[in-house]
Structure formats: structure tokens, C-alpha cells
């Protein structure tokens, strides 16, 4: 929530899937959470355990994966964000980041992590948000109900937000994208949600001072619709990819590396378009 938290985003910090297979990419992490360089594959069903470990929580079974080094016993990230992006082949992120092959990208849920946060920090003010705008799936816990009280979450609400002053329709170079096409509007609606979440976190940045870690999980399907409507060789896909990459980098740059850990989950392969977060 301020620089000590995250403006979500996502970096799209997370899992990337390309033509050679899916991958987990960590775009931002604090100094006391170390990911080793290497091409060790991780199973999609283990992502919740990985998120739990990066937050300093215990898990039922050991995560037999060498990519994550042992962390500090005395420090935990202030927040963890995982973003699912469907329908991509690649995003032009910096090369100096850790990336790992993803095997068996089955549907998963972060409910166990959310429950741990709620149990361990019941007397504090954790923020837990899980959101899939395209399907209007929403789950909030703790202070999220206060922080995101004004967040548009249904497609009708988000499109109403797009018509207001200061929306991405007026602030971003749309180029080939059109507000009159459904696929374009879905994509732009999700971009608007990213900006609105960032703004609300800054508004409530005082919550970053409490000891409770915050958890964010978002699933974005707008690019998948762009691909379905126009194809990957289209100018619309090129412009949408550019906008999303820029948006994620802007939001991620607001995070403090020493206090915020962002993981983002990207599903780029069209063959994985049915894989979703279950919440």
C-alpha cells in the first residue's frame, strides 16, 4: 500500500507462459527472499505453497523445489501479489529477472494462504483481495472490504468508470484499440482495475504500517479476448501488449524492493486458456 506495499501489480509478477511452455517469473522481491538462477520446473499445483513460503508461512509438505532459497526467520514481505494473465505469448520485461518452467498448470486457489493470513493476523488489519473482472468473481477478506469499497468490480461498473474523467480511455495511447469493440473494452476495463487498485492502496497507505501481510490475486482475460478477436499478428494485440506491459511496470515501480514481494502469474499459451484460479 504506499511504497511499503504495492500498487499492485502486479508485476505482473509472476508466471509467464510462452510458446515453449509456461513459466514462473518473479519480477520483484525483497532482499530477504531469494530466488536462485536456474531452470528448475515447478508444478502449477505447488504455486499456493510457493506463495505461502514467500510470505513466511509453513506448509503441510516440503516444497521440493530448489528455486526458492531459505528465507529470513525474522522478516516477511508486507504483501504478495499474484496475477494471472491469459492469452499471451510474451511480455517485454527486463531480462534480469528469475524465470522458471511451469509444469502441469492446473487450476489452483490461494484460499489456504488467505485463511492462514486471517488466522494468524485476526487481530490486525490484513487485506486479502481475489478478483477476476471478466467473470465478475470477487473474494475479499479483512480490511479489503474497506479499502476496496469503491472499487468497480462488475463489468458494468468498470465500464461506467471508463466513461469518467481520468480513465485509461483518456490517459493511455489506445492507437488501434477502440472503445466500441467488446474485446477492446474488456481489456481496457482490466487495465482500469489495475490503476484503480493502485490508487486505492495509496489512499489507504496507513494500513501498510501494521504487521499483517496482504495478499492479492487477480486474473486477467482481456488479452485472451484480443487474441481471439484479432489474432496475435494484429496491431490490436501489439498495442494491448504494450499497454499492459507499461501498466504493470508503472505499478510495480511503486513498490519498495525491501518491503514488498510481488509474484505474478501469466498464462500466455492459448492452449491454457481454460486454466483459472478457483475462488
Protein backbone atom coordinates (compact mmCIF):
# COMPACT_ATOMS: atom_id res chain seq x y z
CA UNK A 1 0.00 0.00 0.00
CA UNK A 2 2.34 3.04 -0.46
CA UNK A 3 5.87 2.24 -1.31
CA UNK A 4 5.93 -0.20 1.53
CA UNK A 5 3.15 -2.10 -0.01
CA UNK A 6 2.25 -2.49 -3.59
CA UNK A 7 0.39 -0.86 -6.06
CA UNK A 8 -0.28 -3.97 -7.33
CA UNK A 9 0.76 -5.09 -9.53
CA UNK A 10 1.23 -6.96 -10.32
CA UNK A 11 4.32 -7.09 -11.59
CA UNK A 12 2.62 -8.96 -13.42
CA UNK A 13 4.97 -10.51 -11.27
CA UNK A 14 4.58 -13.93 -12.00
CA UNK A 15 4.02 -16.73 -14.25
CA UNK A 16 4.69 -16.34 -17.91
CA UNK A 17 3.76 -18.84 -20.49
CA UNK A 18 5.28 -18.85 -23.91
CA UNK A 19 5.36 -20.99 -27.00
CA UNK A 20 7.94 -23.25 -25.40
CA UNK A 21 5.90 -23.75 -22.28
CA UNK A 22 4.64 -21.94 -19.23
CA UNK A 23 6.96 -20.32 -16.76
CA UNK A 24 7.03 -18.66 -13.38
CA UNK A 25 8.67 -15.25 -13.45
CA UNK A 26 9.47 -13.23 -10.34
CA UNK A 27 9.69 -9.55 -11.20
CA UNK A 28 10.02 -8.06 -7.76
CA UNK A 29 11.03 -9.42 -4.37
CA UNK A 30 12.61 -8.08 -1.17
CA UNK A 31 16.27 -8.72 -0.48
CA UNK A 32 15.49 -11.33 2.16
CA UNK A 33 13.53 -13.54 -0.28
CA UNK A 34 15.97 -15.14 -2.70
CA UNK A 35 15.21 -16.96 -5.93
CA UNK A 36 18.15 -18.89 -7.37
CA UNK A 37 19.11 -18.73 -11.03
CA UNK A 38 18.28 -21.94 -12.87
CA UNK A 39 15.70 -23.74 -14.95
CA UNK A 40 14.06 -25.83 -12.26
CA UNK A 41 10.45 -26.64 -13.22
CA UNK A 42 7.66 -26.14 -10.71
CA UNK A 43 4.21 -27.68 -10.85
CA UNK A 44 1.23 -25.36 -11.10
CA UNK A 45 -0.42 -27.09 -8.15
CA UNK A 46 2.53 -26.00 -5.99
CA UNK A 47 2.03 -22.29 -6.62
CA UNK A 48 -0.08 -21.81 -3.43
CA UNK A 49 2.69 -23.46 -1.38
CA UNK A 50 5.28 -21.23 -3.02
CA UNK A 51 3.23 -18.13 -2.23
CA UNK A 52 2.84 -19.30 1.37
CA UNK A 53 6.58 -19.86 1.79
CA UNK A 54 7.48 -16.46 0.35
CA UNK A 55 5.17 -14.95 2.97
CA UNK A 56 6.92 -16.83 5.77
CA UNK A 57 4.15 -19.38 6.38
CA UNK A 58 4.57 -23.11 6.92
CA UNK A 59 3.08 -25.69 4.54
CA UNK A 60 1.89 -29.26 5.03
CA UNK A 61 4.52 -30.85 2.77
CA UNK A 62 8.01 -29.69 1.93
CA UNK A 63 8.31 -27.85 -1.37
CA UNK A 64 10.95 -29.90 -3.13
CA UNK A 65 11.98 -27.06 -5.42
CA UNK A 66 15.50 -25.56 -5.42
CA UNK A 67 14.45 -22.25 -6.97
CA UNK A 68 13.50 -20.69 -3.63
CA UNK A 69 16.27 -20.27 -1.07
CA UNK A 70 15.67 -20.37 2.68
CA UNK A 71 14.36 -17.00 3.83
CA UNK A 72 14.77 -14.87 6.93
CA UNK A 73 13.10 -16.08 10.12
CA UNK A 74 12.63 -12.51 11.27
CA UNK A 75 11.28 -10.76 8.18
CA UNK A 76 8.32 -11.38 5.91
CA UNK A 77 7.13 -9.47 2.82
CA UNK A 78 4.48 -6.86 3.52
CA UNK A 79 2.45 -8.04 0.56
CA UNK A 80 2.29 -10.68 -2.13
CA UNK A 81 0.54 -10.19 -5.45
CA UNK A 82 -0.10 -12.93 -7.96
CA UNK A 83 -1.56 -12.02 -11.34
CA UNK A 84 -2.95 -14.46 -13.85
CA UNK A 85 -2.85 -13.21 -17.43
CA UNK A 86 -4.40 -15.42 -20.05
CA UNK A 87 -3.78 -15.37 -23.79
CA UNK A 88 -0.18 -14.16 -24.07
CA UNK A 89 2.97 -15.40 -25.77
CA UNK A 90 5.39 -12.97 -24.14
CA UNK A 91 5.79 -9.61 -22.49
CA UNK A 92 8.81 -7.38 -22.87
CA UNK A 93 10.02 -7.28 -19.28
CA UNK A 94 13.61 -6.67 -18.14
CA UNK A 95 15.93 -9.62 -18.65
CA UNK A 96 17.49 -9.54 -15.18
CA UNK A 97 14.63 -11.42 -13.55
CA UNK A 98 14.21 -15.00 -12.39
CA UNK A 99 12.07 -17.27 -14.53
CA UNK A 100 11.26 -20.97 -14.18
CA UNK A 101 9.38 -23.52 -16.30
CA UNK A 102 5.86 -24.26 -15.13
CA UNK A 103 4.63 -27.83 -15.34
CA UNK A 104 1.07 -29.10 -15.06
CA UNK A 105 -0.64 -25.67 -14.94
CA UNK A 106 -3.81 -26.94 -13.26
CA UNK A 107 -6.43 -24.64 -11.70
CA UNK A 108 -5.47 -23.56 -8.21
CA UNK A 109 -6.69 -21.40 -5.37
CA UNK A 110 -4.96 -19.23 -2.78
CA UNK A 111 -7.70 -19.85 -0.23
CA UNK A 112 -5.30 -21.73 2.05
CA UNK A 113 -2.93 -18.77 2.07
CA UNK A 114 -5.79 -16.34 2.68
CA UNK A 115 -7.03 -18.46 5.58
CA UNK A 116 -3.55 -18.52 7.10
CA UNK A 117 -3.35 -14.73 6.91
CA UNK A 118 -6.76 -14.41 8.53
CA UNK A 119 -5.94 -16.93 11.29
CA UNK A 120 -2.51 -15.60 12.22
CA UNK A 121 -3.42 -11.93 11.99
CA UNK A 122 -7.05 -11.90 13.10
CA UNK A 123 -6.38 -9.01 15.48
CA UNK A 124 -4.61 -6.95 12.83
CA UNK A 125 -5.72 -5.46 9.51
CA UNK A 126 -4.74 -7.78 6.65
CA UNK A 127 -6.02 -7.02 3.17
CA UNK A 128 -6.99 -10.03 1.04
CA UNK A 129 -8.36 -9.49 -2.47
CA UNK A 130 -9.02 -12.08 -5.18
CA UNK A 131 -10.60 -10.74 -8.35
CA UNK A 132 -11.38 -11.90 -11.91
CA UNK A 133 -13.10 -8.93 -13.61
CA UNK A 134 -14.06 -10.74 -16.82
CA UNK A 135 -16.10 -13.29 -14.88
CA UNK A 136 -17.11 -10.94 -12.07
CA UNK A 137 -15.61 -13.28 -9.47
CA UNK A 138 -14.67 -11.48 -6.27
CA UNK A 139 -13.47 -12.53 -2.84
CA UNK A 140 -12.45 -10.07 -0.13
CA UNK A 141 -11.35 -10.61 3.44
CA UNK A 142 -10.31 -8.36 6.29
CA UNK A 143 -9.69 -4.71 5.51
CA UNK A 144 -10.20 -5.32 1.79
CA UNK A 145 -13.89 -4.57 2.32
CA UNK A 146 -12.92 -1.09 3.49
CA UNK A 147 -10.01 -0.41 1.13
CA UNK A 148 -11.86 -1.54 -1.99
CA UNK A 149 -15.34 -0.42 -1.05
CA UNK A 150 -15.42 1.92 -4.05
CA UNK A 151 -13.60 -0.40 -6.48
CA UNK A 152 -15.69 -1.17 -9.59
CA UNK A 153 -15.79 -4.97 -9.79
CA UNK A 154 -18.60 -5.87 -12.21
CA UNK A 155 -18.14 -5.25 -15.92
CA UNK A 156 -21.00 -2.75 -15.86
CA UNK A 157 -19.37 -0.83 -13.01
CA UNK A 158 -15.95 -0.88 -14.65
CA UNK A 159 -17.31 0.36 -17.95
CA UNK A 160 -19.07 3.12 -16.11
CA UNK A 161 -15.70 4.01 -14.62
CA UNK A 162 -14.20 4.12 -18.12
CA UNK A 163 -16.63 6.89 -19.04
CA UNK A 164 -15.46 9.10 -16.18
CA UNK A 165 -12.75 11.74 -16.27
CA UNK A 166 -9.25 10.42 -15.74
CA UNK A 167 -9.96 6.92 -17.05
CA UNK A 168 -7.49 4.99 -19.17
CA UNK A 169 -9.56 5.84 -22.25
CA UNK A 170 -8.28 9.40 -21.99
CA UNK A 171 -4.87 8.83 -20.41
CA UNK A 172 -3.46 5.95 -22.49
CA UNK A 173 -2.49 5.89 -26.19
CA UNK A 174 -5.08 3.42 -27.50
CA UNK A 175 -3.89 3.63 -31.12
CA UNK A 176 -5.65 0.67 -32.80
CA UNK A 177 -7.83 -0.22 -29.81
CA UNK A 178 -11.42 1.00 -29.85
CA UNK A 179 -13.90 1.74 -27.09
CA UNK A 180 -16.61 0.47 -29.43
CA UNK A 181 -15.40 -3.15 -29.56
CA UNK A 182 -16.23 -5.62 -26.79
CA UNK A 183 -12.83 -7.34 -26.75
CA UNK A 184 -11.03 -4.00 -26.53
CA UNK A 185 -13.35 -2.81 -23.76
CA UNK A 186 -12.76 -5.93 -21.68
CA UNK A 187 -9.01 -5.48 -21.93
CA UNK A 188 -9.17 -1.77 -21.11
CA UNK A 189 -11.54 -2.49 -18.23
CA UNK A 190 -8.93 -4.76 -16.65
CA UNK A 191 -6.23 -2.15 -17.13
CA UNK A 192 -8.53 0.36 -15.42
CA UNK A 193 -8.90 -2.03 -12.47
CA UNK A 194 -5.12 -2.17 -12.08
CA UNK A 195 -4.88 1.61 -11.92
CA UNK A 196 -7.84 1.89 -9.55
CA UNK A 197 -6.41 -0.71 -7.17
CA UNK A 198 -3.14 1.22 -7.12
CA UNK A 199 -4.92 4.48 -6.36
CA UNK A 200 -6.96 2.93 -3.53
CA UNK A 201 -3.87 1.38 -1.96
CA UNK A 202 -2.16 4.76 -1.91
CA UNK A 203 -5.25 6.29 -0.35
CA UNK A 204 -5.12 3.71 2.45
CA UNK A 205 -1.33 3.53 2.75
CA UNK A 206 -1.54 3.74 6.54
CA UNK A 207 -2.53 0.07 6.54
CA UNK A 208 0.97 -0.85 5.40
CA UNK A 209 2.23 0.02 8.87
CA UNK A 210 0.53 -2.91 10.58
CA UNK A 211 2.26 -6.30 10.92
CA UNK A 212 -0.26 -8.22 8.83
CA UNK A 213 0.87 -9.19 5.32
CA UNK A 214 -1.55 -8.53 2.48
CA UNK A 215 -2.49 -10.91 -0.34
CA UNK A 216 -3.67 -10.09 -3.85
CA UNK A 217 -4.68 -12.44 -6.63
CA UNK A 218 -6.04 -11.19 -9.94
CA UNK A 219 -6.93 -12.99 -13.13
CA UNK A 220 -6.90 -11.03 -16.40
CA UNK A 221 -8.51 -12.42 -19.54
CA UNK A 222 -8.64 -9.32 -21.72
CA UNK A 223 -5.62 -10.18 -23.84
CA UNK A 224 -7.05 -13.62 -24.45
CA UNK A 225 -10.13 -11.94 -25.94
CA UNK A 226 -7.94 -9.64 -28.02
CA UNK A 227 -6.16 -12.69 -29.44
CA UNK A 228 -9.45 -14.46 -30.11
CA UNK A 229 -10.89 -11.40 -31.86
CA UNK A 230 -7.90 -10.11 -33.82
CA UNK A 231 -5.06 -12.67 -33.65
CA UNK A 232 -1.50 -12.32 -32.39
CA UNK A 233 -0.30 -10.63 -35.59
CA UNK A 234 -2.80 -7.80 -35.28
CA UNK A 235 -1.99 -4.19 -34.33
CA UNK A 236 -4.60 -4.51 -31.58
CA UNK A 237 -2.62 -7.31 -29.93
CA UNK A 238 0.60 -5.33 -30.26
CA UNK A 239 -0.93 -2.22 -28.72
CA UNK A 240 -2.66 -4.16 -25.94
CA UNK A 241 0.56 -5.96 -25.02
CA UNK A 242 2.42 -2.66 -24.94
CA UNK A 243 -0.21 -1.06 -22.71
CA UNK A 244 -0.32 -3.98 -20.28
CA UNK A 245 3.46 -4.22 -20.02
CA UNK A 246 3.73 -0.49 -19.38
CA UNK A 247 0.92 -0.57 -16.83
CA UNK A 248 2.48 -3.41 -14.89
CA UNK A 249 5.89 -1.77 -14.86
CA UNK A 250 4.43 1.51 -13.65
CA UNK A 251 2.54 -0.13 -10.82
CA UNK A 252 5.46 -2.34 -9.88
CA UNK A 253 7.86 0.59 -9.79
CA UNK A 254 5.88 2.00 -6.87
CA UNK A 255 6.81 -0.97 -4.72
CA UNK A 256 9.72 -0.84 -2.35
CA UNK A 257 12.03 -3.73 -3.11
CA UNK A 258 12.95 -4.14 0.54
CA UNK A 259 9.41 -4.46 1.80
CA UNK A 260 7.19 -5.80 -0.92
CA UNK A 261 7.17 -9.09 -2.76
CA UNK A 262 5.22 -9.36 -5.96
CA UNK A 263 4.59 -12.52 -7.86
CA UNK A 264 2.59 -12.50 -10.99
CA UNK A 265 1.10 -15.44 -12.83
CA UNK A 266 0.82 -15.18 -16.59
CA UNK A 267 -0.78 -17.78 -18.75
CA UNK A 268 0.28 -16.90 -22.26
CA UNK A 269 -0.46 -20.07 -24.17
CA UNK A 270 -3.87 -20.19 -25.81
CA UNK A 271 -3.96 -23.91 -25.10
CA UNK A 272 -4.09 -22.98 -21.42
CA UNK A 273 -6.96 -20.54 -21.79
CA UNK A 274 -9.22 -22.70 -19.66
CA UNK A 275 -6.86 -22.73 -16.68
CA UNK A 276 -8.21 -20.44 -13.99
CA UNK A 277 -7.87 -19.53 -10.37
CA UNK A 278 -10.64 -21.12 -8.35
CA UNK A 279 -12.05 -18.68 -5.82
